[in-house]
Amino acid sequence: MAKTSKIVKNEERKVLAARHAEKRAALKKTISSVTATPEEKEAAGKALRKLPRNSSKIRIRNRCAMTGRPRAFLRQFGLSRVTFREMALNGLIPGVTKASW
C-alpha cells in the first residue's frame, strides 16, 4: 500500500491539470504558432511558466486503483500487476484466466 500522502498529492495534480488544461493548450498553441510574433510567443511563454508546475499533465503518475502502487501499472485495467494477478486468480476480473498451453 502506497503512502496516503502520495496518493492525495497525485489526486491534487489531477485536479490542477484539469483546471488549467485549456489555458495551457492555448498558450502552447501560441508558442508553436507560425503566425505569432516573437513578442506574443515570449508573452505566452512567460504566462505558461507562471502556471503551477503540478498543472502539467506530465506530472500525473499512473497508480493502482486498489493499492496506489506506482510501478507495474496495467492501463487497460487500472491496476498494478500484483493486484491484477490476485484478482484474476480469484476470478474477480471477468474474461481473464490464467494462461496454459
N, C-alpha and C. Protein backbone atom coordinates (compact mmCIF):
# COMPACT_ATOMS: atom_id res chain seq x y z
N MET A 1 0.83 -1.17 0.00
CA MET A 1 0.00 0.00 0.00
C MET A 1 0.89 1.25 0.00
N ALA A 2 0.60 2.16 -0.90
CA ALA A 2 1.37 3.39 -1.00
C ALA A 2 1.00 4.34 0.14
N LYS A 3 1.91 5.28 0.39
CA LYS A 3 1.63 6.29 1.41
C LYS A 3 0.42 7.10 0.98
N THR A 4 -0.43 7.39 1.93
CA THR A 4 -1.64 8.15 1.64
C THR A 4 -1.30 9.54 1.12
N SER A 5 -0.22 10.13 1.61
CA SER A 5 0.16 11.47 1.18
C SER A 5 0.50 11.50 -0.31
N LYS A 6 1.14 10.45 -0.80
CA LYS A 6 1.50 10.38 -2.22
C LYS A 6 0.25 10.24 -3.09
N ILE A 7 -0.70 9.46 -2.63
CA ILE A 7 -1.95 9.26 -3.38
C ILE A 7 -2.73 10.57 -3.43
N VAL A 8 -2.80 11.27 -2.29
CA VAL A 8 -3.52 12.55 -2.22
C VAL A 8 -2.85 13.59 -3.11
N LYS A 9 -1.53 13.65 -3.07
CA LYS A 9 -0.79 14.62 -3.88
C LYS A 9 -1.05 14.37 -5.37
N ASN A 10 -1.11 13.10 -5.77
CA ASN A 10 -1.39 12.76 -7.17
C ASN A 10 -2.81 13.17 -7.56
N GLU A 11 -3.76 13.01 -6.65
CA GLU A 11 -5.13 13.43 -6.93
C GLU A 11 -5.21 14.96 -7.08
N GLU A 12 -4.46 15.68 -6.27
CA GLU A 12 -4.42 17.14 -6.39
C GLU A 12 -3.84 17.55 -7.74
N ARG A 13 -2.84 16.82 -8.21
CA ARG A 13 -2.26 17.10 -9.53
C ARG A 13 -3.30 16.89 -10.63
N LYS A 14 -4.12 15.85 -10.50
CA LYS A 14 -5.16 15.60 -11.49
C LYS A 14 -6.15 16.77 -11.55
N VAL A 15 -6.53 17.27 -10.39
CA VAL A 15 -7.48 18.39 -10.32
C VAL A 15 -6.86 19.64 -10.95
N LEU A 16 -5.60 19.94 -10.59
CA LEU A 16 -4.92 21.11 -11.14
C LEU A 16 -4.76 21.00 -12.66
N ALA A 17 -4.40 19.82 -13.14
CA ALA A 17 -4.21 19.62 -14.57
C ALA A 17 -5.52 19.83 -15.32
N ALA A 18 -6.62 19.36 -14.75
CA ALA A 18 -7.92 19.54 -15.40
C ALA A 18 -8.33 21.02 -15.39
N ARG A 19 -8.03 21.71 -14.30
CA ARG A 19 -8.40 23.11 -14.17
C ARG A 19 -7.66 24.00 -15.18
N HIS A 20 -6.39 23.71 -15.41
CA HIS A 20 -5.56 24.56 -16.26
C HIS A 20 -5.35 24.00 -17.67
N ALA A 21 -6.02 22.93 -18.03
CA ALA A 21 -5.77 22.26 -19.31
C ALA A 21 -6.03 23.17 -20.51
N GLU A 22 -7.15 23.87 -20.51
CA GLU A 22 -7.49 24.73 -21.65
C GLU A 22 -6.49 25.87 -21.80
N LYS A 23 -6.14 26.50 -20.69
CA LYS A 23 -5.21 27.62 -20.72
C LYS A 23 -3.83 27.18 -21.20
N ARG A 24 -3.36 26.03 -20.69
CA ARG A 24 -2.06 25.50 -21.12
C ARG A 24 -2.07 25.19 -22.61
N ALA A 25 -3.15 24.59 -23.09
CA ALA A 25 -3.23 24.23 -24.51
C ALA A 25 -3.20 25.48 -25.39
N ALA A 26 -3.92 26.51 -24.98
CA ALA A 26 -3.94 27.75 -25.76
C ALA A 26 -2.57 28.41 -25.79
N LEU A 27 -1.88 28.43 -24.64
CA LEU A 27 -0.55 29.04 -24.59
C LEU A 27 0.45 28.24 -25.42
N LYS A 28 0.39 26.92 -25.36
CA LYS A 28 1.29 26.10 -26.14
C LYS A 28 1.04 26.26 -27.64
N LYS A 29 -0.23 26.41 -28.00
CA LYS A 29 -0.57 26.62 -29.40
C LYS A 29 0.01 27.95 -29.89
N THR A 30 -0.05 28.98 -29.05
CA THR A 30 0.51 30.28 -29.41
C THR A 30 2.03 30.19 -29.57
N ILE A 31 2.68 29.45 -28.68
CA ILE A 31 4.14 29.32 -28.74
C ILE A 31 4.57 28.60 -30.01
N SER A 32 3.85 27.57 -30.41
CA SER A 32 4.24 26.80 -31.59
C SER A 32 3.66 27.35 -32.89
N SER A 33 2.87 28.42 -32.80
CA SER A 33 2.25 29.01 -33.98
C SER A 33 3.29 29.66 -34.89
N VAL A 34 3.10 29.51 -36.19
CA VAL A 34 3.99 30.11 -37.17
C VAL A 34 3.66 31.58 -37.36
N THR A 35 2.39 31.91 -37.22
CA THR A 35 1.94 33.28 -37.49
C THR A 35 2.12 34.24 -36.32
N ALA A 36 2.37 33.71 -35.12
CA ALA A 36 2.52 34.57 -33.94
C ALA A 36 3.85 35.32 -33.99
N THR A 37 3.82 36.54 -33.48
CA THR A 37 5.04 37.35 -33.45
C THR A 37 5.93 36.87 -32.30
N PRO A 38 7.22 37.20 -32.36
CA PRO A 38 8.12 36.79 -31.26
C PRO A 38 7.69 37.36 -29.90
N GLU A 39 7.11 38.56 -29.90
CA GLU A 39 6.64 39.14 -28.64
C GLU A 39 5.49 38.35 -28.05
N GLU A 40 4.56 37.93 -28.93
CA GLU A 40 3.43 37.13 -28.47
C GLU A 40 3.91 35.79 -27.93
N LYS A 41 4.88 35.19 -28.63
CA LYS A 41 5.42 33.90 -28.17
C LYS A 41 6.10 34.04 -26.82
N GLU A 42 6.84 35.12 -26.65
CA GLU A 42 7.53 35.36 -25.38
C GLU A 42 6.53 35.58 -24.25
N ALA A 43 5.47 36.34 -24.54
CA ALA A 43 4.44 36.59 -23.52
C ALA A 43 3.73 35.29 -23.16
N ALA A 44 3.47 34.45 -24.15
CA ALA A 44 2.82 33.16 -23.88
C ALA A 44 3.74 32.26 -23.06
N GLY A 45 5.02 32.31 -23.35
CA GLY A 45 5.99 31.52 -22.57
C GLY A 45 6.04 31.95 -21.13
N LYS A 46 6.02 33.26 -20.90
CA LYS A 46 6.01 33.78 -19.53
C LYS A 46 4.74 33.35 -18.79
N ALA A 47 3.60 33.45 -19.48
CA ALA A 47 2.33 33.06 -18.86
C ALA A 47 2.32 31.57 -18.54
N LEU A 48 2.92 30.77 -19.42
CA LEU A 48 2.97 29.32 -19.20
C LEU A 48 3.85 29.00 -18.00
N ARG A 49 4.94 29.72 -17.85
CA ARG A 49 5.84 29.48 -16.71
C ARG A 49 5.23 29.94 -15.39
N LYS A 50 4.28 30.88 -15.44
CA LYS A 50 3.63 31.34 -14.21
C LYS A 50 2.60 30.34 -13.67
N LEU A 51 2.11 29.44 -14.54
CA LEU A 51 1.15 28.43 -14.08
C LEU A 51 1.84 27.47 -13.12
N PRO A 52 1.09 26.84 -12.22
CA PRO A 52 1.70 25.89 -11.28
C PRO A 52 2.33 24.71 -12.01
N ARG A 53 3.44 24.25 -11.50
CA ARG A 53 4.12 23.10 -12.12
C ARG A 53 3.24 21.87 -12.14
N ASN A 54 2.51 21.67 -11.06
CA ASN A 54 1.68 20.47 -10.97
C ASN A 54 0.45 20.53 -11.86
N SER A 55 0.27 21.62 -12.60
CA SER A 55 -0.85 21.68 -13.53
C SER A 55 -0.51 21.03 -14.86
N SER A 56 0.73 20.59 -14.99
CA SER A 56 1.15 19.88 -16.20
C SER A 56 0.68 18.43 -16.15
N LYS A 57 0.14 17.96 -17.26
CA LYS A 57 -0.40 16.59 -17.32
C LYS A 57 0.70 15.55 -17.16
N ILE A 58 1.92 15.91 -17.53
CA ILE A 58 3.06 15.00 -17.46
C ILE A 58 3.37 14.59 -16.02
N ARG A 59 3.07 15.44 -15.06
CA ARG A 59 3.44 15.17 -13.68
C ARG A 59 2.49 14.21 -12.96
N ILE A 60 1.39 13.83 -13.63
CA ILE A 60 0.46 12.87 -13.04
C ILE A 60 1.03 11.46 -13.17
N ARG A 61 1.03 10.72 -12.08
CA ARG A 61 1.58 9.38 -12.06
C ARG A 61 0.45 8.37 -12.10
N ASN A 62 0.55 7.37 -12.98
CA ASN A 62 -0.44 6.29 -13.01
C ASN A 62 -0.25 5.44 -11.76
N ARG A 63 -1.33 5.23 -11.02
CA ARG A 63 -1.26 4.45 -9.80
C ARG A 63 -2.38 3.41 -9.78
N CYS A 64 -2.13 2.31 -9.11
CA CYS A 64 -3.11 1.24 -8.95
C CYS A 64 -4.33 1.78 -8.21
N ALA A 65 -5.51 1.45 -8.70
CA ALA A 65 -6.74 1.93 -8.09
C ALA A 65 -6.98 1.32 -6.71
N MET A 66 -6.46 0.13 -6.48
CA MET A 66 -6.69 -0.56 -5.21
C MET A 66 -5.64 -0.21 -4.15
N THR A 67 -4.37 -0.25 -4.54
CA THR A 67 -3.29 -0.11 -3.57
C THR A 67 -2.53 1.20 -3.69
N GLY A 68 -2.59 1.86 -4.82
CA GLY A 68 -1.84 3.09 -5.03
C GLY A 68 -0.41 2.84 -5.48
N ARG A 69 -0.08 1.60 -5.81
CA ARG A 69 1.28 1.26 -6.24
C ARG A 69 1.60 1.97 -7.56
N PRO A 70 2.76 2.67 -7.62
CA PRO A 70 3.07 3.44 -8.81
C PRO A 70 3.77 2.66 -9.92
N ARG A 71 4.33 1.52 -9.62
CA ARG A 71 5.08 0.76 -10.63
C ARG A 71 4.25 -0.39 -11.18
N ALA A 72 4.63 -0.87 -12.35
CA ALA A 72 4.00 -2.03 -13.00
C ALA A 72 2.49 -1.83 -13.13
N PHE A 73 2.11 -0.68 -13.68
CA PHE A 73 0.70 -0.31 -13.83
C PHE A 73 0.18 -0.82 -15.17
N LEU A 74 -0.96 -1.53 -15.16
CA LEU A 74 -1.60 -2.01 -16.38
C LEU A 74 -2.73 -1.05 -16.73
N ARG A 75 -2.55 -0.28 -17.80
CA ARG A 75 -3.51 0.76 -18.16
C ARG A 75 -4.90 0.22 -18.45
N GLN A 76 -4.96 -0.92 -19.11
CA GLN A 76 -6.25 -1.47 -19.51
C GLN A 76 -7.16 -1.76 -18.32
N PHE A 77 -6.56 -2.11 -17.19
CA PHE A 77 -7.34 -2.47 -16.01
C PHE A 77 -7.24 -1.44 -14.89
N GLY A 78 -6.26 -0.55 -14.93
CA GLY A 78 -6.08 0.44 -13.88
C GLY A 78 -5.55 -0.15 -12.59
N LEU A 79 -4.84 -1.27 -12.72
CA LEU A 79 -4.31 -1.97 -11.55
C LEU A 79 -2.83 -2.24 -11.72
N SER A 80 -2.15 -2.50 -10.60
CA SER A 80 -0.76 -2.92 -10.68
C SER A 80 -0.74 -4.42 -11.01
N ARG A 81 0.39 -4.91 -11.44
CA ARG A 81 0.49 -6.33 -11.82
C ARG A 81 0.20 -7.26 -10.66
N VAL A 82 0.58 -6.85 -9.45
CA VAL A 82 0.36 -7.69 -8.27
C VAL A 82 -1.13 -7.81 -7.97
N THR A 83 -1.82 -6.69 -7.93
CA THR A 83 -3.26 -6.68 -7.66
C THR A 83 -4.02 -7.37 -8.78
N PHE A 84 -3.58 -7.12 -10.02
CA PHE A 84 -4.23 -7.75 -11.17
C PHE A 84 -4.16 -9.27 -11.06
N ARG A 85 -2.99 -9.78 -10.71
CA ARG A 85 -2.81 -11.24 -10.61
C ARG A 85 -3.68 -11.83 -9.51
N GLU A 86 -3.71 -11.17 -8.36
CA GLU A 86 -4.54 -11.66 -7.25
C GLU A 86 -6.01 -11.69 -7.65
N MET A 87 -6.48 -10.61 -8.26
CA MET A 87 -7.89 -10.53 -8.65
C MET A 87 -8.23 -11.53 -9.75
N ALA A 88 -7.31 -11.72 -10.69
CA ALA A 88 -7.56 -12.66 -11.78
C ALA A 88 -7.62 -14.09 -11.27
N LEU A 89 -6.75 -14.44 -10.35
CA LEU A 89 -6.75 -15.80 -9.79
C LEU A 89 -7.99 -16.07 -8.94
N ASN A 90 -8.53 -15.01 -8.33
CA ASN A 90 -9.75 -15.16 -7.54
C ASN A 90 -11.00 -15.08 -8.40
N GLY A 91 -10.84 -14.81 -9.68
CA GLY A 91 -11.99 -14.74 -10.59
C GLY A 91 -12.76 -13.44 -10.48
N LEU A 92 -12.13 -12.38 -10.04
CA LEU A 92 -12.82 -11.10 -9.86
C LEU A 92 -12.80 -10.23 -11.12
N ILE A 93 -11.98 -10.61 -12.10
CA ILE A 93 -11.93 -9.86 -13.35
C ILE A 93 -12.54 -10.74 -14.44
N PRO A 94 -13.70 -10.37 -14.97
CA PRO A 94 -14.37 -11.21 -15.96
C PRO A 94 -13.55 -11.35 -17.25
N GLY A 95 -13.51 -12.55 -17.76
CA GLY A 95 -12.85 -12.81 -19.03
C GLY A 95 -11.36 -13.02 -18.94
N VAL A 96 -10.80 -12.96 -17.74
CA VAL A 96 -9.36 -13.14 -17.58
C VAL A 96 -9.13 -14.49 -16.90
N THR A 97 -8.35 -15.34 -17.57
CA THR A 97 -8.00 -16.63 -16.99
C THR A 97 -6.50 -16.82 -17.09
N LYS A 98 -5.97 -17.71 -16.28
CA LYS A 98 -4.55 -17.99 -16.31
C LYS A 98 -4.22 -18.72 -17.60
N ALA A 99 -3.14 -18.32 -18.23
CA ALA A 99 -2.74 -18.94 -19.49
C ALA A 99 -2.18 -20.33 -19.26
N SER A 100 -2.52 -21.25 -20.15
CA SER A 100 -1.93 -22.59 -20.11
C SER A 100 -1.90 -23.12 -21.53
N TRP A 101 -0.75 -23.57 -21.96
CA TRP A 101 -0.62 -24.10 -23.32
C TRP A 101 0.34 -25.25 -23.36
